[in-house]
């Protein structure tokens, strides 16, 4: 891999890390119901763990309610228990034989602070991923410089490109975190 390819690869991985972080933010709950809240829920369907969105349709008909309609009604109990048994959600679903309804309770101040802490952990995980990608790209540039396949000036230019790309993604992550924190803390 050439150093320029390493830089392009790093930029692509930075974009993937940012996209993954945005997906992680969707799973954090705010005061409103969102179908994305249940993205990480695995349901024991037909003897194997299956993502909830593959066994049911999830909609938010109201701001404080999620409605889950299973594709196969025999999975109704498994869906309800998977949501109930997920400690990070803290939700209590009920079913009427056809659909599962999940009321979304209002967040307490204590729960909001816990969610902000979870947000901080997710942000730090994203930053670690960025640093790992940067480290790999820098290693490729340093290796090429030692092999004398690129000069000192080219190495500095490539390092600057890597740092610029990382800084842009880092600021995007920080601004997304601030917006999500404000959304969580808003009563």
N, C-alpha and C. Protein backbone atom coordinates (compact mmCIF):
# COMPACT_ATOMS: atom_id res chain seq x y z
N UNK A 1 0.86 -1.18 0.00
CA UNK A 1 0.00 0.00 0.00
C UNK A 1 0.90 1.24 0.00
N UNK A 2 0.63 2.14 -0.90
CA UNK A 2 1.41 3.37 -0.96
C UNK A 2 0.97 4.30 0.17
N UNK A 3 1.81 5.24 0.53
CA UNK A 3 1.43 6.18 1.60
C UNK A 3 0.16 6.97 1.24
N UNK A 4 0.00 7.34 -0.04
CA UNK A 4 -1.21 8.07 -0.44
C UNK A 4 -2.45 7.20 -0.28
N UNK A 5 -2.32 5.90 -0.58
CA UNK A 5 -3.43 4.97 -0.38
C UNK A 5 -3.75 4.85 1.10
N UNK A 6 -2.71 4.86 1.93
CA UNK A 6 -2.92 4.78 3.38
C UNK A 6 -3.69 5.99 3.88
N UNK A 7 -3.39 7.17 3.33
CA UNK A 7 -4.10 8.39 3.72
C UNK A 7 -5.57 8.30 3.29
N UNK A 8 -5.81 7.86 2.06
CA UNK A 8 -7.20 7.71 1.58
C UNK A 8 -7.95 6.68 2.40
N UNK A 9 -7.27 5.59 2.74
CA UNK A 9 -7.88 4.54 3.56
C UNK A 9 -8.22 5.11 4.95
N UNK A 10 -7.33 5.92 5.50
CA UNK A 10 -7.58 6.52 6.81
C UNK A 10 -8.79 7.45 6.74
N UNK A 11 -8.89 8.24 5.68
CA UNK A 11 -10.04 9.14 5.53
C UNK A 11 -11.35 8.34 5.45
N UNK A 12 -11.32 7.23 4.73
CA UNK A 12 -12.51 6.38 4.61
C UNK A 12 -12.88 5.78 5.98
N UNK A 13 -11.86 5.34 6.72
CA UNK A 13 -12.12 4.77 8.05
C UNK A 13 -12.61 5.83 9.03
N UNK A 14 -12.09 7.07 8.91
CA UNK A 14 -12.60 8.16 9.75
C UNK A 14 -14.08 8.36 9.49
N UNK A 15 -14.48 8.36 8.21
CA UNK A 15 -15.89 8.54 7.86
C UNK A 15 -16.73 7.40 8.41
N UNK A 16 -16.21 6.17 8.35
CA UNK A 16 -16.94 5.03 8.90
C UNK A 16 -17.10 5.15 10.41
N UNK A 17 -16.05 5.60 11.08
CA UNK A 17 -16.12 5.78 12.54
C UNK A 17 -17.17 6.83 12.90
N UNK A 18 -17.22 7.90 12.12
CA UNK A 18 -18.21 8.95 12.36
C UNK A 18 -19.63 8.41 12.14
N UNK A 19 -19.82 7.65 11.08
CA UNK A 19 -21.13 7.06 10.80
C UNK A 19 -21.55 6.11 11.92
N UNK A 20 -20.59 5.29 12.39
CA UNK A 20 -20.88 4.36 13.49
C UNK A 20 -21.25 5.14 14.75
N UNK A 21 -20.57 6.23 15.00
CA UNK A 21 -20.88 7.05 16.18
C UNK A 21 -22.30 7.61 16.09
N UNK A 22 -22.68 8.09 14.91
CA UNK A 22 -24.04 8.61 14.74
C UNK A 22 -25.07 7.50 14.96
N UNK A 23 -24.77 6.28 14.51
CA UNK A 23 -25.67 5.15 14.76
C UNK A 23 -25.76 4.86 16.26
N UNK A 24 -24.64 4.98 16.97
CA UNK A 24 -24.64 4.77 18.41
C UNK A 24 -25.50 5.83 19.12
N UNK A 25 -25.43 7.06 18.64
CA UNK A 25 -26.22 8.13 19.25
C UNK A 25 -27.72 7.87 19.12
N UNK A 26 -28.13 7.25 18.02
CA UNK A 26 -29.55 6.97 17.81
C UNK A 26 -30.10 6.02 18.88
N UNK A 27 -29.25 5.15 19.40
CA UNK A 27 -29.73 4.19 20.40
C UNK A 27 -29.88 4.83 21.77
N UNK A 28 -29.24 5.98 22.00
CA UNK A 28 -29.40 6.66 23.29
C UNK A 28 -30.76 7.33 23.32
N UNK A 29 -31.44 7.13 24.39
CA UNK A 29 -32.80 7.59 24.53
C UNK A 29 -32.87 9.05 24.94
N UNK A 30 -33.78 9.76 24.37
CA UNK A 30 -34.09 11.10 24.84
C UNK A 30 -35.51 11.01 25.40
N UNK A 31 -36.18 12.09 25.61
CA UNK A 31 -37.52 12.05 26.17
C UNK A 31 -38.57 11.57 25.19
N UNK A 32 -38.22 11.45 23.91
CA UNK A 32 -39.19 11.06 22.89
C UNK A 32 -38.96 9.63 22.43
N UNK A 33 -40.02 9.01 21.96
CA UNK A 33 -39.93 7.65 21.42
C UNK A 33 -39.32 7.70 20.03
N UNK A 34 -38.46 6.74 19.74
CA UNK A 34 -37.83 6.62 18.43
C UNK A 34 -37.62 5.14 18.14
N UNK A 35 -37.94 4.72 16.93
CA UNK A 35 -37.77 3.31 16.57
C UNK A 35 -36.31 2.89 16.67
N UNK A 36 -35.38 3.82 16.49
CA UNK A 36 -33.95 3.51 16.56
C UNK A 36 -33.51 3.13 17.98
N UNK A 37 -34.31 3.45 18.97
CA UNK A 37 -33.98 3.10 20.36
C UNK A 37 -33.82 1.59 20.51
N UNK A 38 -34.55 0.82 19.71
CA UNK A 38 -34.56 -0.63 19.86
C UNK A 38 -33.66 -1.33 18.85
N UNK A 39 -32.77 -0.58 18.19
CA UNK A 39 -31.91 -1.18 17.16
C UNK A 39 -31.00 -2.27 17.70
N UNK A 40 -30.55 -2.15 18.92
CA UNK A 40 -29.62 -3.15 19.46
C UNK A 40 -30.28 -4.35 20.11
N UNK A 41 -31.61 -4.40 20.12
CA UNK A 41 -32.32 -5.48 20.79
C UNK A 41 -32.30 -6.74 19.93
N UNK A 42 -31.87 -7.86 20.54
CA UNK A 42 -31.85 -9.15 19.86
C UNK A 42 -32.98 -10.00 20.43
N UNK A 43 -33.76 -10.61 19.54
CA UNK A 43 -34.91 -11.43 19.92
C UNK A 43 -34.58 -12.89 19.64
N UNK A 44 -34.92 -13.76 20.57
CA UNK A 44 -34.72 -15.19 20.38
C UNK A 44 -35.88 -15.71 19.53
N UNK A 45 -35.66 -15.73 18.21
CA UNK A 45 -36.71 -16.14 17.27
C UNK A 45 -36.24 -17.39 16.53
N UNK A 46 -37.07 -18.40 16.55
CA UNK A 46 -36.78 -19.66 15.85
C UNK A 46 -35.46 -20.28 16.31
N UNK A 47 -35.14 -20.10 17.59
CA UNK A 47 -33.96 -20.73 18.16
C UNK A 47 -32.65 -19.97 17.98
N UNK A 48 -32.68 -18.82 17.31
CA UNK A 48 -31.45 -18.05 17.13
C UNK A 48 -31.70 -16.58 17.47
N UNK A 49 -30.69 -15.90 18.03
CA UNK A 49 -30.84 -14.46 18.29
C UNK A 49 -30.92 -13.70 16.96
N UNK A 50 -31.96 -12.89 16.83
CA UNK A 50 -32.22 -12.15 15.60
C UNK A 50 -32.47 -10.68 15.96
N UNK A 51 -31.96 -9.73 15.17
CA UNK A 51 -32.26 -8.32 15.45
C UNK A 51 -33.77 -8.07 15.39
N UNK A 52 -34.25 -7.23 16.28
CA UNK A 52 -35.68 -6.95 16.38
C UNK A 52 -36.27 -6.47 15.05
N UNK A 53 -35.52 -5.63 14.33
CA UNK A 53 -36.08 -5.09 13.09
C UNK A 53 -36.21 -6.13 11.98
N UNK A 54 -35.70 -7.36 12.21
CA UNK A 54 -35.86 -8.43 11.23
C UNK A 54 -37.04 -9.34 11.55
N UNK A 55 -37.61 -9.20 12.75
CA UNK A 55 -38.76 -10.03 13.11
C UNK A 55 -40.02 -9.21 13.33
N UNK A 56 -39.91 -7.88 13.29
CA UNK A 56 -41.07 -7.05 13.56
C UNK A 56 -40.91 -5.67 12.94
N UNK A 57 -42.03 -4.99 12.84
CA UNK A 57 -42.05 -3.61 12.36
C UNK A 57 -42.17 -2.70 13.59
N UNK A 58 -41.26 -1.74 13.72
CA UNK A 58 -41.25 -0.85 14.89
C UNK A 58 -41.62 0.55 14.43
N UNK A 59 -42.65 1.14 15.03
CA UNK A 59 -43.06 2.50 14.72
C UNK A 59 -43.30 3.28 16.01
N UNK A 60 -43.25 4.59 15.90
CA UNK A 60 -43.52 5.47 17.03
C UNK A 60 -44.77 6.29 16.70
N UNK A 61 -45.97 5.77 17.00
CA UNK A 61 -47.20 6.49 16.65
C UNK A 61 -47.42 7.75 17.49
N UNK A 62 -46.83 7.79 18.67
CA UNK A 62 -46.95 8.94 19.56
C UNK A 62 -45.56 9.28 20.11
N UNK A 63 -45.42 10.44 20.71
CA UNK A 63 -44.12 10.87 21.24
C UNK A 63 -43.66 10.01 22.41
N UNK A 64 -44.58 9.38 23.12
CA UNK A 64 -44.23 8.60 24.30
C UNK A 64 -44.57 7.12 24.16
N UNK A 65 -44.67 6.61 22.91
CA UNK A 65 -45.08 5.21 22.72
C UNK A 65 -44.39 4.62 21.49
N UNK A 66 -43.91 3.39 21.65
CA UNK A 66 -43.43 2.60 20.52
C UNK A 66 -44.40 1.46 20.31
N UNK A 67 -44.68 1.14 19.06
CA UNK A 67 -45.57 0.03 18.74
C UNK A 67 -44.81 -0.95 17.86
N UNK A 68 -44.78 -2.21 18.28
CA UNK A 68 -44.03 -3.23 17.56
C UNK A 68 -45.01 -4.29 17.07
N UNK A 69 -45.06 -4.46 15.75
CA UNK A 69 -45.95 -5.45 15.14
C UNK A 69 -45.08 -6.58 14.58
N UNK A 70 -45.15 -7.77 15.20
CA UNK A 70 -44.31 -8.87 14.71
C UNK A 70 -44.79 -9.39 13.36
N UNK A 71 -43.84 -9.83 12.53
CA UNK A 71 -44.20 -10.43 11.25
C UNK A 71 -44.86 -11.78 11.48
N UNK A 72 -44.42 -12.48 12.53
CA UNK A 72 -45.00 -13.77 12.91
C UNK A 72 -45.53 -13.62 14.34
N UNK A 73 -46.84 -13.72 14.56
CA UNK A 73 -47.41 -13.51 15.90
C UNK A 73 -46.85 -14.45 16.96
N UNK A 74 -46.26 -15.58 16.58
CA UNK A 74 -45.72 -16.50 17.58
C UNK A 74 -44.47 -15.91 18.26
N UNK A 75 -43.89 -14.86 17.70
CA UNK A 75 -42.72 -14.22 18.31
C UNK A 75 -43.09 -13.12 19.28
N UNK A 76 -44.35 -12.89 19.53
CA UNK A 76 -44.82 -11.79 20.36
C UNK A 76 -44.19 -11.82 21.76
N UNK A 77 -44.26 -12.97 22.42
CA UNK A 77 -43.72 -13.07 23.79
C UNK A 77 -42.20 -12.90 23.80
N UNK A 78 -41.52 -13.45 22.80
CA UNK A 78 -40.06 -13.33 22.73
C UNK A 78 -39.65 -11.87 22.57
N UNK A 79 -40.40 -11.11 21.77
CA UNK A 79 -40.10 -9.70 21.56
C UNK A 79 -40.29 -8.92 22.86
N UNK A 80 -41.41 -9.17 23.53
CA UNK A 80 -41.69 -8.46 24.79
C UNK A 80 -40.62 -8.77 25.83
N UNK A 81 -40.24 -10.05 25.95
CA UNK A 81 -39.24 -10.39 26.97
C UNK A 81 -37.85 -9.86 26.59
N UNK A 82 -37.51 -9.80 25.31
CA UNK A 82 -36.21 -9.26 24.91
C UNK A 82 -36.10 -7.79 25.28
N UNK A 83 -37.18 -7.03 25.11
CA UNK A 83 -37.17 -5.61 25.47
C UNK A 83 -37.13 -5.45 26.98
N UNK A 84 -37.95 -6.25 27.68
CA UNK A 84 -38.01 -6.17 29.14
C UNK A 84 -36.68 -6.55 29.78
N UNK A 85 -35.97 -7.53 29.20
CA UNK A 85 -34.73 -8.04 29.80
C UNK A 85 -33.51 -7.22 29.44
N UNK A 86 -33.66 -6.19 28.61
CA UNK A 86 -32.52 -5.35 28.23
C UNK A 86 -32.35 -4.25 29.28
N UNK A 87 -31.31 -4.35 30.14
CA UNK A 87 -31.17 -3.39 31.25
C UNK A 87 -30.84 -1.97 30.79
N UNK A 88 -30.21 -1.80 29.64
CA UNK A 88 -29.84 -0.45 29.22
C UNK A 88 -31.06 0.36 28.78
N UNK A 89 -32.14 -0.33 28.41
CA UNK A 89 -33.35 0.38 27.99
C UNK A 89 -34.22 0.80 29.17
N UNK A 90 -34.41 -0.11 30.11
CA UNK A 90 -35.26 0.19 31.26
C UNK A 90 -36.72 0.39 30.88
N UNK A 91 -37.21 -0.40 29.93
CA UNK A 91 -38.59 -0.26 29.45
C UNK A 91 -39.42 -1.46 29.85
N UNK A 92 -40.75 -1.26 29.96
CA UNK A 92 -41.66 -2.33 30.33
C UNK A 92 -42.75 -2.47 29.27
N UNK A 93 -42.55 -3.37 28.31
CA UNK A 93 -43.53 -3.52 27.23
C UNK A 93 -44.77 -4.30 27.67
N UNK A 94 -45.86 -4.09 26.94
CA UNK A 94 -47.07 -4.88 27.16
C UNK A 94 -47.58 -5.30 25.79
N UNK A 95 -48.24 -6.48 25.75
CA UNK A 95 -48.77 -6.93 24.47
C UNK A 95 -50.25 -7.26 24.62
N UNK A 96 -50.98 -7.10 23.50
CA UNK A 96 -52.41 -7.37 23.51
C UNK A 96 -52.75 -8.58 22.64
N UNK A 97 -51.76 -9.39 22.30
CA UNK A 97 -51.99 -10.55 21.46
C UNK A 97 -51.69 -10.30 19.99
N UNK A 98 -51.63 -9.05 19.58
CA UNK A 98 -51.33 -8.72 18.18
C UNK A 98 -50.08 -7.85 18.07
N UNK A 99 -49.97 -6.85 18.94
CA UNK A 99 -48.84 -5.93 18.91
C UNK A 99 -48.26 -5.76 20.31
N UNK A 100 -46.99 -5.32 20.35
CA UNK A 100 -46.34 -4.99 21.62
C UNK A 100 -46.29 -3.47 21.69
N UNK A 101 -46.76 -2.94 22.80
CA UNK A 101 -46.70 -1.50 23.03
C UNK A 101 -45.68 -1.23 24.13
N UNK A 102 -44.81 -0.25 23.86
CA UNK A 102 -43.77 0.09 24.83
C UNK A 102 -43.94 1.56 25.20
N UNK A 103 -44.52 1.83 26.37
CA UNK A 103 -44.61 3.24 26.79
C UNK A 103 -43.23 3.74 27.18
N UNK A 104 -42.91 4.95 26.74
CA UNK A 104 -41.62 5.57 27.05
C UNK A 104 -41.84 6.55 28.19
N UNK A 105 -41.38 6.18 29.40
CA UNK A 105 -41.59 7.09 30.53
C UNK A 105 -40.73 8.35 30.41
N UNK A 106 -41.18 9.39 31.05
CA UNK A 106 -40.40 10.63 31.08
C UNK A 106 -39.09 10.36 31.83
N UNK A 107 -38.04 10.99 31.40
CA UNK A 107 -36.74 10.78 32.03
C UNK A 107 -36.63 11.59 33.32
N UNK A 108 -36.10 10.94 34.35
CA UNK A 108 -35.82 11.66 35.60
C UNK A 108 -34.47 12.34 35.45
N UNK A 109 -34.19 13.26 36.35
CA UNK A 109 -32.90 13.97 36.31
C UNK A 109 -31.74 12.99 36.46
N UNK A 110 -31.91 12.01 37.34
CA UNK A 110 -30.86 11.01 37.57
C UNK A 110 -30.62 10.19 36.29
N UNK A 111 -31.70 9.77 35.65
CA UNK A 111 -31.57 8.98 34.41
C UNK A 111 -30.94 9.82 33.29
N UNK A 112 -31.26 11.09 33.25
CA UNK A 112 -30.65 11.97 32.24
C UNK A 112 -29.14 12.04 32.44
N UNK A 113 -28.71 12.14 33.69
CA UNK A 113 -27.28 12.21 33.98
C UNK A 113 -26.60 10.89 33.61
N UNK A 114 -27.26 9.76 33.86
CA UNK A 114 -26.72 8.45 33.45
C UNK A 114 -26.55 8.39 31.94
N UNK A 115 -27.54 8.89 31.21
CA UNK A 115 -27.47 8.88 29.75
C UNK A 115 -26.34 9.77 29.24
N UNK A 116 -26.11 10.90 29.91
CA UNK A 116 -25.01 11.77 29.52
C UNK A 116 -23.67 11.05 29.75
N UNK A 117 -23.58 10.27 30.84
CA UNK A 117 -22.36 9.50 31.08
C UNK A 117 -22.18 8.45 29.99
N UNK A 118 -23.26 7.77 29.59
CA UNK A 118 -23.18 6.80 28.50
C UNK A 118 -22.74 7.48 27.21
N UNK A 119 -23.23 8.68 27.00
CA UNK A 119 -22.83 9.46 25.82
C UNK A 119 -21.33 9.73 25.85
N UNK A 120 -20.80 10.08 27.02
CA UNK A 120 -19.37 10.33 27.16
C UNK A 120 -18.55 9.08 26.85
N UNK A 121 -19.02 7.93 27.30
CA UNK A 121 -18.32 6.67 27.02
C UNK A 121 -18.31 6.38 25.52
N UNK A 122 -19.46 6.57 24.88
CA UNK A 122 -19.55 6.34 23.43
C UNK A 122 -18.64 7.31 22.67
N UNK A 123 -18.58 8.55 23.14
CA UNK A 123 -17.72 9.54 22.49
C UNK A 123 -16.25 9.14 22.65
N UNK A 124 -15.87 8.71 23.83
CA UNK A 124 -14.48 8.30 24.05
C UNK A 124 -14.13 7.07 23.20
N UNK A 125 -15.06 6.13 23.06
CA UNK A 125 -14.82 4.97 22.19
C UNK A 125 -14.59 5.41 20.75
N UNK A 126 -15.36 6.38 20.30
CA UNK A 126 -15.19 6.89 18.93
C UNK A 126 -13.83 7.56 18.78
N UNK A 127 -13.42 8.32 19.80
CA UNK A 127 -12.11 8.99 19.73
C UNK A 127 -10.97 7.97 19.72
N UNK A 128 -11.13 6.88 20.47
CA UNK A 128 -10.11 5.83 20.48
C UNK A 128 -10.01 5.20 19.09
N UNK A 129 -11.15 4.97 18.46
CA UNK A 129 -11.15 4.41 17.11
C UNK A 129 -10.43 5.36 16.14
N UNK A 130 -10.69 6.65 16.28
CA UNK A 130 -10.01 7.62 15.41
C UNK A 130 -8.49 7.60 15.63
N UNK A 131 -8.09 7.55 16.89
CA UNK A 131 -6.65 7.53 17.18
C UNK A 131 -5.99 6.26 16.62
N UNK A 132 -6.70 5.14 16.69
CA UNK A 132 -6.14 3.90 16.14
C UNK A 132 -5.96 3.99 14.63
N UNK A 133 -6.95 4.55 13.95
CA UNK A 133 -6.85 4.72 12.50
C UNK A 133 -5.69 5.66 12.17
N UNK A 134 -5.57 6.75 12.92
CA UNK A 134 -4.48 7.71 12.69
C UNK A 134 -3.13 7.04 12.91
N UNK A 135 -3.03 6.24 13.96
CA UNK A 135 -1.78 5.54 14.27
C UNK A 135 -1.37 4.62 13.12
N UNK A 136 -2.32 3.88 12.58
CA UNK A 136 -2.03 2.98 11.45
C UNK A 136 -1.57 3.75 10.22
N UNK A 137 -2.25 4.86 9.93
CA UNK A 137 -1.89 5.66 8.75
C UNK A 137 -0.51 6.28 8.93
N UNK A 138 -0.23 6.78 10.13
CA UNK A 138 1.07 7.37 10.40
C UNK A 138 2.18 6.32 10.28
N UNK A 139 1.88 5.09 10.71
CA UNK A 139 2.84 4.00 10.59
C UNK A 139 3.18 3.72 9.13
N UNK A 140 2.17 3.76 8.27
CA UNK A 140 2.39 3.54 6.83
C UNK A 140 3.26 4.64 6.24
N UNK A 141 3.00 5.88 6.65
CA UNK A 141 3.79 7.01 6.14
C UNK A 141 5.23 6.91 6.66
N UNK A 142 5.39 6.59 7.94
CA UNK A 142 6.74 6.46 8.50
C UNK A 142 7.51 5.31 7.84
N UNK A 143 6.81 4.22 7.58
CA UNK A 143 7.46 3.08 6.92
C UNK A 143 7.94 3.46 5.52
N UNK A 144 7.13 4.19 4.79
CA UNK A 144 7.52 4.62 3.44
C UNK A 144 8.69 5.60 3.50
N UNK A 145 8.69 6.43 4.54
CA UNK A 145 9.79 7.39 4.68
C UNK A 145 11.10 6.65 4.99
N UNK A 146 11.04 5.62 5.83
CA UNK A 146 12.23 4.85 6.17
C UNK A 146 12.73 4.05 4.97
N UNK A 147 11.80 3.58 4.14
CA UNK A 147 12.18 2.84 2.92
C UNK A 147 12.68 3.77 1.82
N UNK A 148 12.61 5.05 2.08
CA UNK A 148 13.03 6.07 1.13
C UNK A 148 12.18 6.07 -0.15
N UNK A 149 10.91 5.59 -0.02
CA UNK A 149 10.02 5.64 -1.20
C UNK A 149 9.34 7.00 -1.30
N UNK A 150 9.32 7.76 -0.19
CA UNK A 150 8.85 9.15 -0.22
C UNK A 150 9.86 10.01 0.52
N UNK A 151 9.87 11.28 0.19
CA UNK A 151 10.80 12.20 0.83
C UNK A 151 10.22 12.80 2.09
N UNK A 152 11.04 13.58 2.77
CA UNK A 152 10.64 14.23 4.03
C UNK A 152 9.46 15.18 3.82
N UNK A 153 9.50 15.96 2.74
CA UNK A 153 8.42 16.91 2.47
C UNK A 153 7.10 16.20 2.18
N UNK A 154 7.17 15.13 1.39
CA UNK A 154 5.95 14.36 1.10
C UNK A 154 5.38 13.75 2.38
N UNK A 155 6.26 13.25 3.24
CA UNK A 155 5.81 12.65 4.50
C UNK A 155 5.09 13.70 5.35
N UNK A 156 5.66 14.90 5.43
CA UNK A 156 5.03 15.96 6.22
C UNK A 156 3.67 16.35 5.63
N UNK A 157 3.59 16.40 4.31
CA UNK A 157 2.33 16.74 3.65
C UNK A 157 1.26 15.67 3.93
N UNK A 158 1.65 14.39 3.86
CA UNK A 158 0.70 13.31 4.13
C UNK A 158 0.25 13.30 5.59
N UNK A 159 1.20 13.55 6.49
CA UNK A 159 0.86 13.62 7.93
C UNK A 159 -0.12 14.76 8.16
N UNK A 160 0.10 15.89 7.51
CA UNK A 160 -0.82 17.03 7.66
C UNK A 160 -2.21 16.66 7.13
N UNK A 161 -2.28 15.93 6.02
CA UNK A 161 -3.59 15.51 5.49
C UNK A 161 -4.31 14.60 6.47
N UNK A 162 -3.57 13.67 7.07
CA UNK A 162 -4.17 12.75 8.06
C UNK A 162 -4.68 13.54 9.25
N UNK A 163 -3.85 14.45 9.77
CA UNK A 163 -4.25 15.25 10.93
C UNK A 163 -5.46 16.13 10.64
N UNK A 164 -5.50 16.73 9.43
CA UNK A 164 -6.63 17.57 9.05
C UNK A 164 -7.92 16.75 8.99
N UNK A 165 -7.84 15.57 8.38
CA UNK A 165 -9.02 14.71 8.27
C UNK A 165 -9.50 14.28 9.66
N UNK A 166 -8.55 13.94 10.52
CA UNK A 166 -8.93 13.51 11.87
C UNK A 166 -9.55 14.66 12.65
N UNK A 167 -8.98 15.85 12.53
CA UNK A 167 -9.51 17.01 13.25
C UNK A 167 -10.93 17.33 12.82
N UNK A 168 -11.21 17.21 11.52
CA UNK A 168 -12.55 17.48 11.01
C UNK A 168 -13.56 16.48 11.59
N UNK A 169 -13.20 15.20 11.60
CA UNK A 169 -14.10 14.18 12.14
C UNK A 169 -14.25 14.36 13.65
N UNK A 170 -13.16 14.69 14.33
CA UNK A 170 -13.22 14.91 15.78
C UNK A 170 -14.19 16.05 16.11
N UNK A 171 -14.13 17.15 15.35
CA UNK A 171 -15.03 18.27 15.63
C UNK A 171 -16.48 17.89 15.31
N UNK A 172 -16.69 17.06 14.27
CA UNK A 172 -18.05 16.58 13.98
C UNK A 172 -18.59 15.75 15.13
N UNK A 173 -17.76 14.87 15.68
CA UNK A 173 -18.18 14.02 16.81
C UNK A 173 -18.49 14.89 18.02
N UNK A 174 -17.64 15.87 18.30
CA UNK A 174 -17.86 16.73 19.47
C UNK A 174 -19.14 17.55 19.33
N UNK A 175 -19.40 18.06 18.13
CA UNK A 175 -20.63 18.85 17.95
C UNK A 175 -21.87 17.95 18.03
N UNK A 176 -21.78 16.73 17.50
CA UNK A 176 -22.91 15.79 17.61
C UNK A 176 -23.16 15.43 19.08
N UNK A 177 -22.08 15.27 19.84
CA UNK A 177 -22.21 14.95 21.27
C UNK A 177 -22.87 16.09 22.03
N UNK A 178 -22.45 17.32 21.74
CA UNK A 178 -23.05 18.48 22.42
C UNK A 178 -24.53 18.59 22.10
N UNK A 179 -24.88 18.37 20.84
CA UNK A 179 -26.29 18.45 20.46
C UNK A 179 -27.11 17.35 21.15
N UNK A 180 -26.56 16.14 21.20
CA UNK A 180 -27.28 15.02 21.84
C UNK A 180 -27.39 15.27 23.34
N UNK A 181 -26.34 15.80 23.96
CA UNK A 181 -26.40 16.09 25.40
C UNK A 181 -27.47 17.13 25.69
N UNK A 182 -27.54 18.16 24.86
CA UNK A 182 -28.58 19.18 25.05
C UNK A 182 -29.96 18.57 24.88
N UNK A 183 -30.10 17.65 23.93
CA UNK A 183 -31.37 16.99 23.69
C UNK A 183 -31.77 16.11 24.89
N UNK A 184 -30.78 15.42 25.47
CA UNK A 184 -31.05 14.56 26.62
C UNK A 184 -31.44 15.39 27.84
N UNK A 185 -30.72 16.49 28.08
CA UNK A 185 -30.96 17.27 29.28
C UNK A 185 -32.18 18.18 29.18
N UNK A 186 -32.72 18.36 27.97
CA UNK A 186 -33.90 19.20 27.79
C UNK A 186 -35.12 18.50 28.41
N UNK A 187 -35.82 19.22 29.26
CA UNK A 187 -36.99 18.64 29.93
C UNK A 187 -38.24 18.86 29.10
